[in-house]
Amino acid sequence: MVQAVEESVGSRLARRARFITVGGLAGMVAGVVVLGLGGRLVMFLSRLLHPAAVGRLTEGGNRIGEFTLEGTIGLVLFGGLFSGLMGAVVWVLTKDWLPNRWWMIGLAATAIGGPTLILSDNRDFTILAEPALDIVLLLAMVFAFGAAIPGIDRLLHRRLPSPDGSVAKVIYSVLAAFGLLFVQLTFATFFSEFACFCSEPNVLTGAALVVAGVASLVWWVLEARGSDETPDWLRWAGRVGSWGAVAAGTFYLWREITTIL
């Protein structure tokens, strides 16, 4: 009897590890394609919109209008891969609580991730004479990133092997554990000035995500212990945390946009 319970717990943990892995890979793929390559497209369009700014240095030390292979690779790796993995952390922690509709996830991503790009104390927005269209392009990119994740997640869920085999269980467990490295980094961007490269972190958004994350963790523990139905109080906690993060992010985003414009 004890052995059967242990196998059941192991199977449930393996399924959850696969859930985390699929979500992480979905965010990574969307990050590389949309935030990385899409970020380069946004920069190109910004160059066309502001020919007078070509040649000037951005806050990050890059020269506006200068496109190099090294710069593109750096943008794909850091702006795409790492940002995608941090977005994946938010996706995995809120996936059980938000409606799985591409446009709603796109809007949620815009609210939560938008303020990390649209910063009123970033001098790049003062270099550009009229940055309104640039803000629209950046937010459209973040929306596309969020909107792409559910579809990629479903595709990977159908294509990746089940976690029934011993090798699959180990692989999914290792990949899920690897994702823990990005949890701390993700939350640091909401609570640390150093991590967010800003003067005022989006603490309210981070606090709401902590609530959603704790609710997810509690549910995963209950699920591993054999629960098949989410308690109502836990479902409400997860939803309050997830939608609270969206609301707080919307507040921060609106404040930054109005300050810039």
Protein backbone atom coordinates (compact mmCIF):
# COMPACT_ATOMS: atom_id res chain seq x y z
CA MET A 1 0.00 0.00 0.00
CA VAL A 2 2.79 2.43 0.90
CA GLN A 3 4.59 1.69 -2.35
CA ALA A 4 1.45 2.49 -4.37
CA VAL A 5 1.06 5.83 -2.60
CA GLU A 6 4.71 6.69 -3.27
CA GLU A 7 4.30 5.86 -6.95
CA SER A 8 1.18 8.00 -7.11
CA VAL A 9 2.99 10.93 -5.50
CA GLY A 10 5.93 10.45 -7.86
CA SER A 11 3.66 10.42 -10.89
CA ARG A 12 1.88 13.56 -9.75
CA LEU A 13 5.18 15.35 -9.13
CA ALA A 14 6.42 14.26 -12.54
CA ARG A 15 3.32 15.67 -14.23
CA ARG A 16 3.79 18.95 -12.41
CA ALA A 17 7.48 19.03 -13.38
CA ARG A 18 6.42 18.54 -16.99
CA PHE A 19 3.87 21.36 -16.57
CA ILE A 20 6.63 23.67 -15.34
CA THR A 21 9.03 22.58 -18.08
CA VAL A 22 6.48 23.11 -20.85
CA GLY A 23 5.64 26.57 -19.54
CA GLY A 24 9.30 27.48 -19.24
CA LEU A 25 10.09 26.34 -22.77
CA ALA A 26 7.06 28.21 -24.10
CA GLY A 27 8.28 31.43 -22.53
CA MET A 28 11.82 30.83 -23.76
CA VAL A 29 10.72 30.24 -27.37
CA ALA A 30 8.37 33.24 -27.33
CA GLY A 31 11.13 35.35 -25.79
CA VAL A 32 13.73 34.51 -28.41
CA VAL A 33 11.36 34.97 -31.35
CA VAL A 34 9.18 37.87 -30.20
CA LEU A 35 11.34 39.80 -27.73
CA GLY A 36 14.69 39.01 -29.33
CA LEU A 37 14.08 39.17 -33.06
CA GLY A 38 11.02 41.36 -32.58
CA GLY A 39 13.11 43.74 -30.48
CA ARG A 40 15.49 44.17 -33.39
CA LEU A 41 12.53 44.97 -35.66
CA VAL A 42 11.28 47.56 -33.17
CA MET A 43 14.71 49.18 -33.16
CA PHE A 44 14.73 49.31 -36.96
CA LEU A 45 11.30 50.93 -37.04
CA SER A 46 12.39 53.40 -34.37
CA ARG A 47 15.33 54.35 -36.56
CA LEU A 48 12.94 55.13 -39.42
CA LEU A 49 10.74 57.18 -37.11
CA HIS A 50 13.62 59.24 -35.70
CA PRO A 51 16.30 59.82 -38.35
CA ALA A 52 17.65 62.79 -36.39
CA ALA A 53 18.52 60.53 -33.45
CA VAL A 54 20.63 58.12 -35.52
CA GLY A 55 24.17 57.93 -34.17
CA ARG A 56 23.35 59.01 -30.63
CA LEU A 57 24.13 56.71 -27.70
CA THR A 58 21.34 55.05 -25.77
CA GLU A 59 21.34 54.59 -22.00
CA GLY A 60 22.72 51.08 -22.54
CA GLY A 61 25.68 52.43 -24.50
CA ASN A 62 24.41 51.32 -27.91
CA ARG A 63 24.40 53.63 -30.90
CA ILE A 64 20.98 54.31 -32.42
CA GLY A 65 20.69 53.00 -35.97
CA GLU A 66 23.77 50.79 -35.72
CA PHE A 67 22.99 47.12 -36.34
CA THR A 68 25.71 44.53 -35.79
CA LEU A 69 25.75 40.75 -35.59
CA GLU A 70 27.14 40.93 -32.04
CA GLY A 71 24.39 43.33 -31.02
CA THR A 72 21.70 41.13 -32.53
CA ILE A 73 23.04 38.03 -30.78
CA GLY A 74 23.19 39.92 -27.49
CA LEU A 75 19.64 41.15 -27.96
CA VAL A 76 18.36 37.66 -28.72
CA LEU A 77 20.18 36.10 -25.77
CA PHE A 78 19.63 38.74 -23.10
CA GLY A 79 16.62 40.65 -24.32
CA GLY A 80 14.96 37.52 -25.69
CA LEU A 81 16.12 34.40 -23.88
CA PHE A 82 16.50 35.74 -20.36
CA SER A 83 13.47 38.01 -20.54
CA GLY A 84 11.51 35.11 -21.98
CA LEU A 85 12.50 32.85 -19.10
CA MET A 86 11.51 35.50 -16.56
CA GLY A 87 8.20 35.89 -18.36
CA ALA A 88 7.87 32.12 -18.22
CA VAL A 89 8.16 32.25 -14.42
CA VAL A 90 5.18 34.60 -14.27
CA TRP A 91 3.29 32.41 -16.77
CA VAL A 92 3.87 29.21 -14.79
CA LEU A 93 2.88 30.81 -11.48
CA THR A 94 -0.32 32.36 -12.86
CA LYS A 95 -1.32 29.80 -15.47
CA ASP A 96 -3.71 27.97 -13.12
CA TRP A 97 -5.50 31.22 -12.25
CA LEU A 98 -5.77 33.23 -15.49
CA PRO A 99 -8.08 32.38 -18.42
CA ASN A 100 -6.11 30.51 -21.08
CA ARG A 101 -7.01 32.91 -23.89
CA TRP A 102 -4.26 34.36 -26.01
CA TRP A 103 -5.52 37.93 -26.02
CA MET A 104 -6.09 37.99 -22.26
CA ILE A 105 -2.61 36.63 -21.62
CA GLY A 106 -1.28 39.22 -24.06
CA LEU A 107 -2.96 42.02 -22.12
CA ALA A 108 -1.77 40.58 -18.81
CA ALA A 109 1.79 40.41 -20.14
CA THR A 110 1.55 44.01 -21.32
CA ALA A 111 0.41 45.18 -17.91
CA ILE A 112 2.95 43.20 -15.92
CA GLY A 113 5.91 43.40 -18.30
CA GLY A 114 5.28 46.77 -19.90
CA PRO A 115 6.55 48.85 -16.95
CA THR A 116 9.89 47.02 -17.12
CA LEU A 117 10.46 48.54 -20.57
CA ILE A 118 8.59 51.84 -20.35
CA LEU A 119 10.60 53.72 -17.73
CA SER A 120 10.22 57.46 -17.36
CA ASP A 121 13.75 57.79 -15.97
CA ASN A 122 15.24 56.09 -19.03
CA ARG A 123 16.92 58.85 -21.01
CA ASP A 124 16.31 57.00 -24.26
CA PHE A 125 12.80 58.43 -24.29
CA THR A 126 14.19 61.97 -24.04
CA ILE A 127 16.53 61.35 -26.97
CA LEU A 128 13.53 60.58 -29.16
CA ALA A 129 11.65 63.76 -29.96
CA GLU A 130 8.19 62.18 -29.99
CA PRO A 131 8.35 58.73 -28.34
CA ALA A 132 4.61 57.92 -28.45
CA LEU A 133 4.90 55.54 -31.43
CA ASP A 134 7.96 53.91 -29.88
CA ILE A 135 5.96 53.21 -26.72
CA VAL A 136 3.20 51.68 -28.83
CA LEU A 137 5.72 49.47 -30.65
CA LEU A 138 7.31 48.28 -27.40
CA LEU A 139 3.95 47.49 -25.81
CA ALA A 140 2.79 45.71 -28.98
CA MET A 141 5.91 43.55 -28.75
CA VAL A 142 5.19 42.65 -25.11
CA PHE A 143 1.56 41.91 -26.01
CA ALA A 144 2.69 39.62 -28.84
CA PHE A 145 5.06 37.86 -26.46
CA GLY A 146 2.28 37.12 -23.97
CA ALA A 147 -0.23 36.23 -26.68
CA ALA A 148 2.19 33.71 -28.22
CA ILE A 149 2.86 31.79 -25.01
CA PRO A 150 -0.47 29.89 -24.65
CA GLY A 151 -0.32 28.54 -28.21
CA ILE A 152 3.32 27.48 -27.87
CA ASP A 153 2.50 25.93 -24.50
CA ARG A 154 -0.31 23.84 -26.00
CA LEU A 155 1.88 22.78 -28.93
CA LEU A 156 4.67 21.66 -26.63
CA HIS A 157 2.19 19.92 -24.35
CA ARG A 158 1.03 17.81 -27.28
CA ARG A 159 4.48 17.10 -28.70
CA LEU A 160 6.71 16.50 -25.68
CA PRO A 161 6.89 12.98 -24.20
CA SER A 162 4.74 12.02 -21.24
CA PRO A 163 6.45 11.89 -17.83
CA ASP A 164 5.70 8.21 -17.33
CA GLY A 165 9.17 6.84 -18.08
CA SER A 166 12.05 7.06 -15.62
CA VAL A 167 14.27 9.03 -18.00
CA ALA A 168 11.49 11.51 -18.77
CA LYS A 169 10.84 12.01 -15.06
CA VAL A 170 14.49 12.82 -14.43
CA ILE A 171 14.71 15.22 -17.38
CA TYR A 172 11.54 17.08 -16.46
CA SER A 173 12.59 17.27 -12.81
CA VAL A 174 16.02 18.67 -13.71
CA LEU A 175 14.56 21.25 -16.11
CA ALA A 176 11.93 22.31 -13.57
CA ALA A 177 14.61 22.67 -10.89
CA PHE A 178 16.71 24.73 -13.32
CA GLY A 179 13.78 27.12 -13.61
CA LEU A 180 14.12 27.90 -9.90
CA LEU A 181 17.22 29.91 -10.76
CA PHE A 182 15.06 32.41 -12.61
CA VAL A 183 12.39 32.68 -9.91
CA GLN A 184 14.63 34.76 -7.68
CA LEU A 185 15.83 36.89 -10.58
CA THR A 186 12.26 37.48 -11.74
CA PHE A 187 11.01 38.63 -8.37
CA ALA A 188 14.13 40.72 -7.83
CA THR A 189 13.08 42.89 -10.77
CA PHE A 190 9.94 43.84 -8.84
CA PHE A 191 11.64 44.52 -5.50
CA SER A 192 15.20 45.66 -6.25
CA GLU A 193 16.34 48.89 -7.88
CA PHE A 194 19.55 47.15 -8.96
CA ALA A 195 17.70 44.29 -10.68
CA CYS A 196 15.08 46.40 -12.44
CA PHE A 197 17.54 49.14 -13.54
CA CYS A 198 15.04 51.68 -12.27
CA SER A 199 14.65 54.15 -9.42
CA GLU A 200 11.35 52.72 -8.16
CA PRO A 201 10.63 48.97 -8.49
CA ASN A 202 7.06 47.81 -9.13
CA VAL A 203 6.61 46.50 -5.60
CA LEU A 204 2.83 46.16 -5.74
CA THR A 205 3.04 43.99 -8.84
CA GLY A 206 5.67 41.84 -7.19
CA ALA A 207 3.64 41.48 -4.00
CA ALA A 208 0.59 40.37 -5.97
CA LEU A 209 2.68 37.83 -7.86
CA VAL A 210 3.97 36.49 -4.55
CA VAL A 211 0.35 35.81 -3.56
CA ALA A 212 -0.30 34.04 -6.87
CA GLY A 213 2.94 32.11 -6.56
CA VAL A 214 2.23 30.95 -3.02
CA ALA A 215 -1.26 29.88 -4.08
CA SER A 216 0.24 27.86 -6.94
CA LEU A 217 2.80 26.25 -4.65
CA VAL A 218 0.11 25.28 -2.13
CA TRP A 219 -2.00 23.79 -4.91
CA TRP A 220 0.94 21.79 -6.25
CA VAL A 221 1.57 20.37 -2.78
CA LEU A 222 -2.10 19.45 -2.35
CA GLU A 223 -2.11 17.90 -5.81
CA ALA A 224 0.98 15.82 -5.01
CA ARG A 225 -0.73 14.57 -1.87
CA GLY A 226 -3.69 13.33 -3.90
CA SER A 227 -6.11 16.25 -4.16
CA ASP A 228 -7.90 16.41 -7.53
CA GLU A 229 -9.91 19.59 -6.98
CA THR A 230 -8.64 23.05 -6.12
CA PRO A 231 -10.22 24.44 -2.93
CA ASP A 232 -12.35 27.51 -3.54
CA TRP A 233 -10.33 29.66 -1.14
CA LEU A 234 -7.12 28.75 -2.90
CA ARG A 235 -8.61 29.43 -6.33
CA TRP A 236 -9.71 32.86 -5.16
CA ALA A 237 -6.27 33.59 -3.67
CA GLY A 238 -4.59 32.67 -6.95
CA ARG A 239 -6.98 34.80 -8.97
CA VAL A 240 -6.68 37.77 -6.63
CA GLY A 241 -2.90 37.58 -6.82
CA SER A 242 -2.82 37.19 -10.61
CA TRP A 243 -5.35 39.89 -11.40
CA GLY A 244 -3.87 42.08 -8.67
CA ALA A 245 -0.54 41.92 -10.51
CA VAL A 246 -2.30 42.95 -13.72
CA ALA A 247 -4.04 45.86 -11.97
CA ALA A 248 -0.86 47.04 -10.27
CA GLY A 249 1.10 46.73 -13.51
CA THR A 250 -1.53 48.77 -15.33
CA PHE A 251 -1.18 51.51 -12.70
CA TYR A 252 2.61 51.59 -13.03
CA LEU A 253 2.45 51.50 -16.82
CA TRP A 254 -0.04 54.36 -17.02
CA ARG A 255 2.06 56.44 -14.62
CA GLU A 256 5.24 55.93 -16.65
CA ILE A 257 3.54 56.67 -19.97
CA THR A 258 1.92 59.88 -18.74
CA THR A 259 5.22 61.02 -17.23
CA ILE A 260 7.10 60.42 -20.50
CA LEU A 261 4.46 62.06 -22.69
